[in-house]
Amino acid sequence: MKKRILIIGACGQIGTELTIYLRNKFGINKVIASDIREGDEALMKSGPFEILDAMDYDAVEEVVIRHEITDVYLMAAMLSATAEKFPMKGWNLNMNSLFHVLNLAKEKKIEKIFWPSSIAVFGPTTPKKDTPQRTIMEPSTVYGISKQTGERWCEYYFNRYGVDVRSIRYPGLISYKTLPGGGTTDYAVDIYHKALKHKKYICFLNAETTLPMMFMDDAINATVSIMEAESKKVKIRSSYNLSAMSFDPEEITESIQKHIPEFKISYEPDFRQAIADSWPQSIDDSEARTDWGWESKISLDEMTEIMLDNLKKKY
C-alpha cells in the first residue's frame, strides 16, 4: 500500500514546517494538511488542505477514508501556557484527538501514528539534570498531565492492540517561519524578533531559567526519522526523550549580542515561571540515539545566526 499522510493541526508552529518538509520528501499530493482554520499563504498554496476539527471523530474518519490515509501526524494540541488558562478545553482537545486516531488505527483504518509528547511530562520532583528516559513523572500543568496520560495510552494501544504509534518528547522549539503557539519556551523565539525590532526584550522568565531547547529543523528531522525507522527499532512506545541544547535567557542574550551588541534584556517573570521551574534543565536522550539513530545538528550560536539572518527581512 502506498504511503499517504494526513497532518492534523498543520497550521501550528510544528505542523506548518512539517507539512512542507513531508511534501518535498514524498510528493505534494501524498500529504494532506488539515486544521480547524486555514493556515498561512505558503502552507495553503503548497498542496491539498482540509478544514478538520480534531475533536470530531466522524470527520477525521471521513477524511482518512476519502484520502486513503496510511500515516497520521497528530499535531493539534493546546500548549502549556494556554492550557493553564483553559484547563478543561486543553484536556479535552489533547486527549480526545489522540483517542480518535488511536481508535482509527485499532480498527485498521490507518497504519501508523505520530503523536508528540513534551518535556512537560516531567514535574518538580523529576531529576533536573540529564533527566533519564525512565524517571519520576509528576507533572504539575494541564498540558503535562495530558501528555503524560497520552504516553500511557499510546503504550497501552501498542501492547494491547498492536497499534504502531511513535512519539518523542519535544523540548522548547525555535523557528523563524511561524510564531510560537502559547508555550512556556516561547520567549526563545520572541527574543529574536524583539532584538531586531527594538534592540531590547522583557523576558517573562528569570535569568537563571535553563531549559532544553531545539531548532525546528532538528525537531522535524527527528519526527520524520522516528516515523521512517523500522518498527523493531522503535523500542519505546510511550515517548522518547529528545535533546539538542540547553540554555537560559542570559546565554541566548549573549549569543544575540555577538550580532547585535547593543541588545539588552530585562526580566519580569509571570505565571510561566512556575511552569518552567517544574521542567528539566537538560535531557538524556541516549536511547533515541541508540535505537533509531537520532542526532541533533544545530547549536545555539548556529541557531542565532539562522534566526537573525531570516528574520532581518521582516524588520
C-alpha atoms as a PDB file:
ATOM      1  CA  MET A   1       0.000   0.000   0.000  1.00  0.00           C
ATOM      2  CA  LYS A   2       1.351   3.411  -0.943  1.00  0.00           C
ATOM      3  CA  LYS A   3       2.063   5.890   1.841  1.00  0.00           C
ATOM      4  CA  ARG A   4      -0.496   8.695   2.178  1.00  0.00           C
ATOM      5  CA  ILE A   5      -0.097  11.139   5.034  1.00  0.00           C
ATOM      6  CA  LEU A   6      -2.611  13.248   6.984  1.00  0.00           C
ATOM      7  CA  ILE A   7      -1.319  16.045   9.205  1.00  0.00           C
ATOM      8  CA  ILE A   8      -3.884  17.138  11.803  1.00  0.00           C
ATOM      9  CA  GLY A   9      -3.039  20.576  13.204  1.00  0.00           C
ATOM     10  CA  ALA A  10      -0.994  21.530  10.143  1.00  0.00           C
ATOM     11  CA  CYS A  11      -1.236  25.292  10.792  1.00  0.00           C
ATOM     12  CA  GLY A  12       0.617  25.271  14.120  1.00  0.00           C
ATOM     13  CA  GLN A  13       4.268  26.029  14.812  1.00  0.00           C
ATOM     14  CA  ILE A  14       5.453  22.483  14.033  1.00  0.00           C
ATOM     15  CA  GLY A  15       2.694  21.447  11.630  1.00  0.00           C
ATOM     16  CA  THR A  16       3.419  24.216   9.132  1.00  0.00           C
ATOM     17  CA  GLU A  17       7.058  23.245   8.661  1.00  0.00           C
ATOM     18  CA  LEU A  18       6.383  19.514   8.891  1.00  0.00           C
ATOM     19  CA  THR A  19       3.810  19.755   6.069  1.00  0.00           C
ATOM     20  CA  ILE A  20       6.238  21.480   3.687  1.00  0.00           C
ATOM     21  CA  TYR A  21       9.046  19.054   4.594  1.00  0.00           C
ATOM     22  CA  LEU A  22       6.897  15.945   4.028  1.00  0.00           C
ATOM     23  CA  ARG A  23       5.565  17.300   0.715  1.00  0.00           C
ATOM     24  CA  ASN A  24       9.123  17.845  -0.502  1.00  0.00           C
ATOM     25  CA  LYS A  25      10.045  14.321   0.590  1.00  0.00           C
ATOM     26  CA  PHE A  26       7.017  12.260  -0.523  1.00  0.00           C
ATOM     27  CA  GLY A  27       5.187  14.425  -3.086  1.00  0.00           C
ATOM     28  CA  ILE A  28       2.629  17.215  -2.830  1.00  0.00           C
ATOM     29  CA  ASN A  29      -0.486  15.077  -3.266  1.00  0.00           C
ATOM     30  CA  LYS A  30       0.691  12.359  -0.883  1.00  0.00           C
ATOM     31  CA  VAL A  31       0.402  14.770   2.074  1.00  0.00           C
ATOM     32  CA  ILE A  32      -2.983  16.142   3.152  1.00  0.00           C
ATOM     33  CA  ALA A  33      -2.750  19.120   5.515  1.00  0.00           C
ATOM     34  CA  SER A  34      -5.672  19.818   7.848  1.00  0.00           C
ATOM     35  CA  ASP A  35      -6.618  22.165  10.664  1.00  0.00           C
ATOM     36  CA  ILE A  36      -9.635  23.828  12.222  1.00  0.00           C
ATOM     37  CA  ARG A  37      -8.764  27.006  10.294  1.00  0.00           C
ATOM     38  CA  GLU A  38      -6.795  27.904   7.191  1.00  0.00           C
ATOM     39  CA  GLY A  39      -3.056  28.449   7.544  1.00  0.00           C
ATOM     40  CA  ASP A  40      -0.651  30.989   6.091  1.00  0.00           C
ATOM     41  CA  GLU A  41      -0.384  31.563   2.353  1.00  0.00           C
ATOM     42  CA  ALA A  42       2.715  29.402   1.858  1.00  0.00           C
ATOM     43  CA  LEU A  43       1.034  26.415   3.520  1.00  0.00           C
ATOM     44  CA  MET A  44      -2.282  26.846   1.682  1.00  0.00           C
ATOM     45  CA  LYS A  45      -0.530  27.087  -1.696  1.00  0.00           C
ATOM     46  CA  SER A  46       1.718  24.084  -1.049  1.00  0.00           C
ATOM     47  CA  GLY A  47      -0.899  21.359  -1.624  1.00  0.00           C
ATOM     48  CA  PRO A  48      -4.216  19.760  -0.570  1.00  0.00           C
ATOM     49  CA  PHE A  49      -5.867  21.157   2.573  1.00  0.00           C
ATOM     50  CA  GLU A  50      -8.949  20.116   4.558  1.00  0.00           C
ATOM     51  CA  ILE A  51     -10.772  22.073   7.266  1.00  0.00           C
ATOM     52  CA  LEU A  52     -10.916  19.457  10.032  1.00  0.00           C
ATOM     53  CA  ASP A  53     -11.809  19.508  13.733  1.00  0.00           C
ATOM     54  CA  ALA A  54      -9.513  17.049  15.543  1.00  0.00           C
ATOM     55  CA  MET A  55     -12.273  16.582  18.172  1.00  0.00           C
ATOM     56  CA  ASP A  56     -14.791  15.274  15.596  1.00  0.00           C
ATOM     57  CA  TYR A  57     -14.227  11.514  15.185  1.00  0.00           C
ATOM     58  CA  ASP A  58     -16.605  11.119  12.245  1.00  0.00           C
ATOM     59  CA  ALA A  59     -14.988  13.995  10.353  1.00  0.00           C
ATOM     60  CA  VAL A  60     -11.467  12.627  10.945  1.00  0.00           C
ATOM     61  CA  GLU A  61     -12.572   9.150   9.857  1.00  0.00           C
ATOM     62  CA  GLU A  62     -14.221  10.553   6.698  1.00  0.00           C
ATOM     63  CA  VAL A  63     -11.011  12.370   5.642  1.00  0.00           C
ATOM     64  CA  VAL A  64      -8.904   9.269   6.412  1.00  0.00           C
ATOM     65  CA  ILE A  65     -11.110   7.034   4.245  1.00  0.00           C
ATOM     66  CA  ARG A  66     -11.633   9.517   1.391  1.00  0.00           C
ATOM     67  CA  HIS A  67      -7.895  10.181   1.019  1.00  0.00           C
ATOM     68  CA  GLU A  68      -6.851   6.543   1.741  1.00  0.00           C
ATOM     69  CA  ILE A  69      -4.574   7.752   4.545  1.00  0.00           C
ATOM     70  CA  THR A  70      -1.915   5.380   5.908  1.00  0.00           C
ATOM     71  CA  ASP A  71       0.038   7.657   8.294  1.00  0.00           C
ATOM     72  CA  VAL A  72      -1.344  10.313  10.650  1.00  0.00           C
ATOM     73  CA  TYR A  73       0.735  13.027  12.309  1.00  0.00           C
ATOM     74  CA  LEU A  74      -1.425  14.396  15.133  1.00  0.00           C
ATOM     75  CA  MET A  75      -0.004  17.883  15.790  1.00  0.00           C
ATOM     76  CA  ALA A  76      -3.173  19.542  17.159  1.00  0.00           C
ATOM     77  CA  ALA A  77      -2.785  20.473  20.842  1.00  0.00           C
ATOM     78  CA  MET A  78      -3.312  23.222  23.358  1.00  0.00           C
ATOM     79  CA  LEU A  79       0.132  24.146  24.720  1.00  0.00           C
ATOM     80  CA  SER A  80       1.316  24.726  28.277  1.00  0.00           C
ATOM     81  CA  ALA A  81       0.656  28.428  28.926  1.00  0.00           C
ATOM     82  CA  THR A  82      -2.704  28.473  27.099  1.00  0.00           C
ATOM     83  CA  ALA A  83      -3.928  25.237  28.722  1.00  0.00           C
ATOM     84  CA  GLU A  84      -3.375  26.726  32.204  1.00  0.00           C
ATOM     85  CA  LYS A  85      -5.970  29.367  31.311  1.00  0.00           C
ATOM     86  CA  PHE A  86      -8.445  26.857  29.829  1.00  0.00           C
ATOM     87  CA  PRO A  87      -7.832  23.585  31.697  1.00  0.00           C
ATOM     88  CA  MET A  88     -10.839  21.520  30.541  1.00  0.00           C
ATOM     89  CA  LYS A  89     -10.575  22.749  26.948  1.00  0.00           C
ATOM     90  CA  GLY A  90      -6.883  21.815  26.955  1.00  0.00           C
ATOM     91  CA  TRP A  91      -7.536  18.371  28.445  1.00  0.00           C
ATOM     92  CA  ASN A  92     -10.416  17.610  26.050  1.00  0.00           C
ATOM     93  CA  LEU A  93      -8.535  18.668  22.912  1.00  0.00           C
ATOM     94  CA  ASN A  94      -5.290  16.938  23.851  1.00  0.00           C
ATOM     95  CA  MET A  95      -6.930  13.649  24.911  1.00  0.00           C
ATOM     96  CA  ASN A  96      -9.939  13.245  22.587  1.00  0.00           C
ATOM     97  CA  SER A  97      -7.923  13.972  19.441  1.00  0.00           C
ATOM     98  CA  LEU A  98      -5.452  11.256  20.477  1.00  0.00           C
ATOM     99  CA  PHE A  99      -8.163   8.674  21.190  1.00  0.00           C
ATOM    100  CA  HIS A 100      -9.707   9.339  17.779  1.00  0.00           C
ATOM    101  CA  VAL A 101      -6.540   8.434  15.872  1.00  0.00           C
ATOM    102  CA  LEU A 102      -5.621   5.551  18.212  1.00  0.00           C
ATOM    103  CA  ASN A 103      -9.062   4.055  17.632  1.00  0.00           C
ATOM    104  CA  LEU A 104      -8.825   4.507  13.849  1.00  0.00           C
ATOM    105  CA  ALA A 105      -5.533   2.578  13.966  1.00  0.00           C
ATOM    106  CA  LYS A 106      -7.032  -0.076  16.246  1.00  0.00           C
ATOM    107  CA  GLU A 107      -9.772  -0.530  13.615  1.00  0.00           C
ATOM    108  CA  LYS A 108      -7.032  -0.895  10.942  1.00  0.00           C
ATOM    109  CA  LYS A 109      -8.164   2.243   9.095  1.00  0.00           C
ATOM    110  CA  ILE A 110      -4.661   3.740   9.396  1.00  0.00           C
ATOM    111  CA  GLU A 111      -1.267   2.057   9.723  1.00  0.00           C
ATOM    112  CA  LYS A 112       0.950   4.427  11.657  1.00  0.00           C
ATOM    113  CA  ILE A 113       0.610   7.388  14.053  1.00  0.00           C
ATOM    114  CA  PHE A 114       2.993  10.104  15.142  1.00  0.00           C
ATOM    115  CA  TRP A 115       1.921  11.830  18.355  1.00  0.00           C
ATOM    116  CA  PRO A 116       4.158  14.421  20.036  1.00  0.00           C
ATOM    117  CA  SER A 117       4.820  14.408  23.742  1.00  0.00           C
ATOM    118  CA  SER A 118       6.834  17.041  25.616  1.00  0.00           C
ATOM    119  CA  ILE A 119       9.291  17.744  28.404  1.00  0.00           C
ATOM    120  CA  ALA A 120       6.123  18.940  30.214  1.00  0.00           C
ATOM    121  CA  VAL A 121       5.513  15.285  31.231  1.00  0.00           C
ATOM    122  CA  PHE A 122       8.178  15.833  33.884  1.00  0.00           C
ATOM    123  CA  GLY A 123       7.445  17.688  37.108  1.00  0.00           C
ATOM    124  CA  PRO A 124       9.051  19.377  40.131  1.00  0.00           C
ATOM    125  CA  THR A 125      10.119  16.001  41.610  1.00  0.00           C
ATOM    126  CA  THR A 126      11.893  14.841  38.428  1.00  0.00           C
ATOM    127  CA  PRO A 127      15.728  14.952  38.466  1.00  0.00           C
ATOM    128  CA  LYS A 128      16.515  18.270  36.724  1.00  0.00           C
ATOM    129  CA  LYS A 129      19.819  17.486  35.030  1.00  0.00           C
ATOM    130  CA  ASP A 130      20.271  14.802  32.369  1.00  0.00           C
ATOM    131  CA  THR A 131      16.697  13.713  33.041  1.00  0.00           C
ATOM    132  CA  PRO A 132      16.627   9.983  32.233  1.00  0.00           C
ATOM    133  CA  GLN A 133      14.192   8.243  29.884  1.00  0.00           C
ATOM    134  CA  ARG A 134      12.516   6.463  32.800  1.00  0.00           C
ATOM    135  CA  THR A 135      12.163   8.567  35.927  1.00  0.00           C
ATOM    136  CA  ILE A 136       9.689  10.180  38.326  1.00  0.00           C
ATOM    137  CA  MET A 137       6.933  11.884  36.338  1.00  0.00           C
ATOM    138  CA  GLU A 138       4.593  14.035  38.402  1.00  0.00           C
ATOM    139  CA  PRO A 139       3.625  16.828  36.000  1.00  0.00           C
ATOM    140  CA  SER A 140       2.050  19.913  37.567  1.00  0.00           C
ATOM    141  CA  THR A 141       0.493  21.528  34.481  1.00  0.00           C
ATOM    142  CA  VAL A 142      -2.641  20.677  32.487  1.00  0.00           C
ATOM    143  CA  TYR A 143      -0.503  20.251  29.367  1.00  0.00           C
ATOM    144  CA  GLY A 144       1.952  17.958  31.157  1.00  0.00           C
ATOM    145  CA  ILE A 145      -0.828  15.874  32.713  1.00  0.00           C
ATOM    146  CA  SER A 146      -2.461  15.404  29.297  1.00  0.00           C
ATOM    147  CA  LYS A 147       0.847  14.475  27.650  1.00  0.00           C
ATOM    148  CA  GLN A 148       1.824  12.006  30.364  1.00  0.00           C
ATOM    149  CA  THR A 149      -1.615  10.386  30.172  1.00  0.00           C
ATOM    150  CA  GLY A 150      -1.301  10.275  26.388  1.00  0.00           C
ATOM    151  CA  GLU A 151       2.041   8.458  26.674  1.00  0.00           C
ATOM    152  CA  ARG A 152       0.428   5.763  28.805  1.00  0.00           C
ATOM    153  CA  TRP A 153      -2.429   5.323  26.315  1.00  0.00           C
ATOM    154  CA  CYS A 154      -0.022   5.130  23.346  1.00  0.00           C
ATOM    155  CA  GLU A 155       1.947   2.375  25.055  1.00  0.00           C
ATOM    156  CA  TYR A 156      -1.294   0.596  26.005  1.00  0.00           C
ATOM    157  CA  TYR A 157      -2.664   0.658  22.450  1.00  0.00           C
ATOM    158  CA  PHE A 158       0.671  -0.675  21.149  1.00  0.00           C
ATOM    159  CA  ASN A 159       0.811  -3.501  23.708  1.00  0.00           C
ATOM    160  CA  ARG A 160      -2.891  -4.381  23.672  1.00  0.00           C
ATOM    161  CA  TYR A 161      -3.897  -3.816  20.029  1.00  0.00           C
ATOM    162  CA  GLY A 162      -0.585  -3.662  18.127  1.00  0.00           C
ATOM    163  CA  VAL A 163      -1.145  -0.015  17.128  1.00  0.00           C
ATOM    164  CA  ASP A 164       2.042   1.378  15.543  1.00  0.00           C
ATOM    165  CA  VAL A 165       2.267   4.692  17.383  1.00  0.00           C
ATOM    166  CA  ARG A 166       5.523   6.625  17.734  1.00  0.00           C
ATOM    167  CA  SER A 167       6.335   9.615  19.888  1.00  0.00           C
ATOM    168  CA  ILE A 168       9.074  11.974  21.022  1.00  0.00           C
ATOM    169  CA  ARG A 169       9.161  14.399  23.944  1.00  0.00           C
ATOM    170  CA  TYR A 170       9.811  17.743  22.314  1.00  0.00           C
ATOM    171  CA  PRO A 171      11.866  20.322  24.192  1.00  0.00           C
ATOM    172  CA  GLY A 172      11.212  24.036  23.548  1.00  0.00           C
ATOM    173  CA  LEU A 173      11.125  24.539  19.764  1.00  0.00           C
ATOM    174  CA  ILE A 174      12.528  27.563  17.971  1.00  0.00           C
ATOM    175  CA  SER A 175      11.711  28.649  14.427  1.00  0.00           C
ATOM    176  CA  TYR A 176      11.654  31.804  12.299  1.00  0.00           C
ATOM    177  CA  LYS A 177       8.914  30.575   9.971  1.00  0.00           C
ATOM    178  CA  THR A 178       5.945  30.583  12.331  1.00  0.00           C
ATOM    179  CA  LEU A 179       5.114  32.428  15.528  1.00  0.00           C
ATOM    180  CA  PRO A 180       5.009  30.358  18.716  1.00  0.00           C
ATOM    181  CA  GLY A 181       1.682  28.978  19.863  1.00  0.00           C
ATOM    182  CA  GLY A 182       1.258  29.620  23.594  1.00  0.00           C
ATOM    183  CA  GLY A 183       4.061  27.653  25.214  1.00  0.00           C
ATOM    184  CA  THR A 184       6.399  28.432  28.113  1.00  0.00           C
ATOM    185  CA  THR A 185       9.531  28.370  25.940  1.00  0.00           C
ATOM    186  CA  ASP A 186       8.056  30.968  23.518  1.00  0.00           C
ATOM    187  CA  TYR A 187      10.452  33.618  24.870  1.00  0.00           C
ATOM    188  CA  ALA A 188      13.279  31.956  22.943  1.00  0.00           C
ATOM    189  CA  VAL A 189      11.513  32.777  19.662  1.00  0.00           C
ATOM    190  CA  ASP A 190      10.142  36.182  20.645  1.00  0.00           C
ATOM    191  CA  ILE A 191      13.556  37.385  21.827  1.00  0.00           C
ATOM    192  CA  TYR A 192      14.940  37.275  18.257  1.00  0.00           C
ATOM    193  CA  HIS A 193      12.027  39.312  16.888  1.00  0.00           C
ATOM    194  CA  LYS A 194      12.407  41.936  19.649  1.00  0.00           C
ATOM    195  CA  ALA A 195      16.202  42.048  19.258  1.00  0.00           C
ATOM    196  CA  LEU A 196      15.823  43.073  15.618  1.00  0.00           C
ATOM    197  CA  LYS A 197      12.811  45.328  16.131  1.00  0.00           C
ATOM    198  CA  HIS A 198      13.517  47.121  19.434  1.00  0.00           C
ATOM    199  CA  LYS A 199      17.076  46.081  20.465  1.00  0.00           C
ATOM    200  CA  LYS A 200      15.600  45.141  23.842  1.00  0.00           C
ATOM    201  CA  TYR A 201      13.435  42.402  25.329  1.00  0.00           C
ATOM    202  CA  ILE A 202      11.438  41.983  28.544  1.00  0.00           C
ATOM    203  CA  CYS A 203      11.607  38.294  29.451  1.00  0.00           C
ATOM    204  CA  PHE A 204       8.749  36.509  31.243  1.00  0.00           C
ATOM    205  CA  LEU A 205      11.215  34.007  32.802  1.00  0.00           C
ATOM    206  CA  ASN A 206      14.082  34.868  35.131  1.00  0.00           C
ATOM    207  CA  ALA A 207      17.736  34.989  34.063  1.00  0.00           C
ATOM    208  CA  GLU A 208      18.641  31.586  35.562  1.00  0.00           C
ATOM    209  CA  THR A 209      15.887  29.557  33.891  1.00  0.00           C
ATOM    210  CA  THR A 210      17.762  26.846  31.984  1.00  0.00           C
ATOM    211  CA  LEU A 211      15.520  24.796  29.692  1.00  0.00           C
ATOM    212  CA  PRO A 212      16.058  22.169  26.978  1.00  0.00           C
ATOM    213  CA  MET A 213      15.589  23.706  23.520  1.00  0.00           C
ATOM    214  CA  MET A 214      15.860  22.679  19.883  1.00  0.00           C
ATOM    215  CA  PHE A 215      15.906  24.390  16.495  1.00  0.00           C
ATOM    216  CA  MET A 216      12.897  23.410  14.405  1.00  0.00           C
ATOM    217  CA  ASP A 217      14.928  21.729  11.628  1.00  0.00           C
ATOM    218  CA  ASP A 218      16.269  19.241  14.191  1.00  0.00           C
ATOM    219  CA  ALA A 219      12.747  18.609  15.525  1.00  0.00           C
ATOM    220  CA  ILE A 220      11.334  17.962  12.053  1.00  0.00           C
ATOM    221  CA  ASN A 221      14.269  15.677  11.273  1.00  0.00           C
ATOM    222  CA  ALA A 222      13.643  13.691  14.493  1.00  0.00           C
ATOM    223  CA  THR A 223       9.908  13.448  13.776  1.00  0.00           C
ATOM    224  CA  VAL A 224      10.340  12.058  10.271  1.00  0.00           C
ATOM    225  CA  SER A 225      13.270   9.829  11.335  1.00  0.00           C
ATOM    226  CA  ILE A 226      11.275   8.007  14.003  1.00  0.00           C
ATOM    227  CA  MET A 227       8.351   7.566  11.593  1.00  0.00           C
ATOM    228  CA  GLU A 228      10.636   6.156   8.883  1.00  0.00           C
ATOM    229  CA  ALA A 229      12.535   3.860  11.271  1.00  0.00           C
ATOM    230  CA  GLU A 230      11.885   0.111  11.123  1.00  0.00           C
ATOM    231  CA  SER A 231       9.182  -0.834  13.611  1.00  0.00           C
ATOM    232  CA  LYS A 232      11.504  -3.119  15.586  1.00  0.00           C
ATOM    233  CA  LYS A 233      13.932  -0.223  16.203  1.00  0.00           C
ATOM    234  CA  VAL A 234      11.232   1.826  17.932  1.00  0.00           C
ATOM    235  CA  LYS A 235      11.518   0.070  21.269  1.00  0.00           C
ATOM    236  CA  ILE A 236       9.834   2.700  23.443  1.00  0.00           C
ATOM    237  CA  ARG A 237       6.124   3.127  22.671  1.00  0.00           C
ATOM    238  CA  SER A 238       5.305   5.750  25.290  1.00  0.00           C
ATOM    239  CA  SER A 239       7.641   8.541  24.102  1.00  0.00           C
ATOM    240  CA  TYR A 240      11.364   9.086  23.581  1.00  0.00           C
ATOM    241  CA  ASN A 241      13.462  11.730  25.333  1.00  0.00           C
ATOM    242  CA  LEU A 242      14.950  14.115  22.754  1.00  0.00           C
ATOM    243  CA  SER A 243      17.668  16.703  23.272  1.00  0.00           C
ATOM    244  CA  ALA A 244      19.724  19.233  21.347  1.00  0.00           C
ATOM    245  CA  MET A 245      20.818  22.120  23.621  1.00  0.00           C
ATOM    246  CA  SER A 246      20.003  23.750  26.951  1.00  0.00           C
ATOM    247  CA  PHE A 247      20.350  27.456  27.747  1.00  0.00           C
ATOM    248  CA  ASP A 248      18.971  30.237  29.937  1.00  0.00           C
ATOM    249  CA  PRO A 249      17.891  33.770  28.892  1.00  0.00           C
ATOM    250  CA  GLU A 250      21.364  35.174  29.716  1.00  0.00           C
ATOM    251  CA  GLU A 251      23.052  32.710  27.356  1.00  0.00           C
ATOM    252  CA  ILE A 252      20.704  33.356  24.441  1.00  0.00           C
ATOM    253  CA  THR A 253      21.201  37.102  25.052  1.00  0.00           C
ATOM    254  CA  GLU A 254      24.997  36.690  24.829  1.00  0.00           C
ATOM    255  CA  SER A 255      24.549  34.731  21.597  1.00  0.00           C
ATOM    256  CA  ILE A 256      22.427  37.550  20.110  1.00  0.00           C
ATOM    257  CA  GLN A 257      24.891  40.232  21.306  1.00  0.00           C
ATOM    258  CA  LYS A 258      27.574  38.703  19.070  1.00  0.00           C
ATOM    259  CA  HIS A 259      25.458  40.068  16.174  1.00  0.00           C
ATOM    260  CA  ILE A 260      23.598  42.969  17.864  1.00  0.00           C
ATOM    261  CA  PRO A 261      25.997  44.277  20.557  1.00  0.00           C
ATOM    262  CA  GLU A 262      23.545  46.923  21.839  1.00  0.00           C
ATOM    263  CA  PHE A 263      20.805  44.355  22.585  1.00  0.00           C
ATOM    264  CA  LYS A 264      19.585  44.415  26.215  1.00  0.00           C
ATOM    265  CA  ILE A 265      17.359  42.056  28.214  1.00  0.00           C
ATOM    266  CA  SER A 266      15.332  42.749  31.366  1.00  0.00           C
ATOM    267  CA  TYR A 267      13.175  40.433  33.469  1.00  0.00           C
ATOM    268  CA  GLU A 268       9.542  40.439  34.560  1.00  0.00           C
ATOM    269  CA  PRO A 269       8.700  36.815  35.407  1.00  0.00           C
ATOM    270  CA  ASP A 270       4.978  35.925  35.240  1.00  0.00           C
ATOM    271  CA  PHE A 271       2.874  32.758  35.785  1.00  0.00           C
ATOM    272  CA  ARG A 272       5.010  30.916  33.215  1.00  0.00           C
ATOM    273  CA  GLN A 273       7.973  30.967  35.612  1.00  0.00           C
ATOM    274  CA  ALA A 274       6.313  28.333  37.813  1.00  0.00           C
ATOM    275  CA  ILE A 275       5.738  26.138  34.750  1.00  0.00           C
ATOM    276  CA  ALA A 276       9.374  26.448  33.659  1.00  0.00           C
ATOM    277  CA  ASP A 277      10.595  25.741  37.203  1.00  0.00           C
ATOM    278  CA  SER A 278       8.783  22.395  37.125  1.00  0.00           C
ATOM    279  CA  TRP A 279      10.615  21.244  33.976  1.00  0.00           C
ATOM    280  CA  PRO A 280      14.053  19.663  33.456  1.00  0.00           C
ATOM    281  CA  GLN A 281      17.148  21.714  32.604  1.00  0.00           C
ATOM    282  CA  SER A 282      18.721  19.040  30.411  1.00  0.00           C
ATOM    283  CA  ILE A 283      17.644  15.717  28.932  1.00  0.00           C
ATOM    284  CA  ASP A 284      19.372  12.364  28.458  1.00  0.00           C
ATOM    285  CA  ASP A 285      18.285  11.174  25.005  1.00  0.00           C
ATOM    286  CA  SER A 286      20.766   8.308  24.639  1.00  0.00           C
ATOM    287  CA  GLU A 287      18.008   5.766  23.891  1.00  0.00           C
ATOM    288  CA  ALA A 288      16.749   7.704  20.847  1.00  0.00           C
ATOM    289  CA  ARG A 289      20.346   7.945  19.638  1.00  0.00           C
ATOM    290  CA  THR A 290      20.933   4.210  20.122  1.00  0.00           C
ATOM    291  CA  ASP A 291      17.566   2.831  18.945  1.00  0.00           C
ATOM    292  CA  TRP A 292      16.878   4.796  15.754  1.00  0.00           C
ATOM    293  CA  GLY A 293      19.994   6.881  15.166  1.00  0.00           C
ATOM    294  CA  TRP A 294      18.838  10.318  16.310  1.00  0.00           C
ATOM    295  CA  GLU A 295      21.424  13.100  16.344  1.00  0.00           C
ATOM    296  CA  SER A 296      20.993  16.835  16.728  1.00  0.00           C
ATOM    297  CA  LYS A 297      22.895  19.118  14.378  1.00  0.00           C
ATOM    298  CA  ILE A 298      22.324  22.776  15.288  1.00  0.00           C
ATOM    299  CA  SER A 299      23.944  24.586  18.244  1.00  0.00           C
ATOM    300  CA  LEU A 300      22.808  27.793  19.996  1.00  0.00           C
ATOM    301  CA  ASP A 301      25.154  30.092  18.069  1.00  0.00           C
ATOM    302  CA  GLU A 302      24.300  28.440  14.738  1.00  0.00           C
ATOM    303  CA  MET A 303      20.612  28.829  15.540  1.00  0.00           C
ATOM    304  CA  THR A 304      21.039  32.507  16.446  1.00  0.00           C
ATOM    305  CA  GLU A 305      22.719  33.172  13.118  1.00  0.00           C
ATOM    306  CA  ILE A 306      19.942  31.396  11.175  1.00  0.00           C
ATOM    307  CA  MET A 307      17.174  33.135  13.168  1.00  0.00           C
ATOM    308  CA  LEU A 308      18.607  36.657  12.764  1.00  0.00           C
ATOM    309  CA  ASP A 309      19.502  36.193   9.082  1.00  0.00           C
ATOM    310  CA  ASN A 310      15.973  35.079   8.232  1.00  0.00           C
ATOM    311  CA  LEU A 311      14.041  37.473  10.487  1.00  0.00           C
ATOM    312  CA  LYS A 312      16.028  40.511   9.259  1.00  0.00           C
ATOM    313  CA  LYS A 313      13.840  40.500   6.160  1.00  0.00           C
ATOM    314  CA  LYS A 314      10.766  41.263   8.301  1.00  0.00           C
ATOM    315  CA  TYR A 315      12.149  44.274  10.175  1.00  0.00           C
END
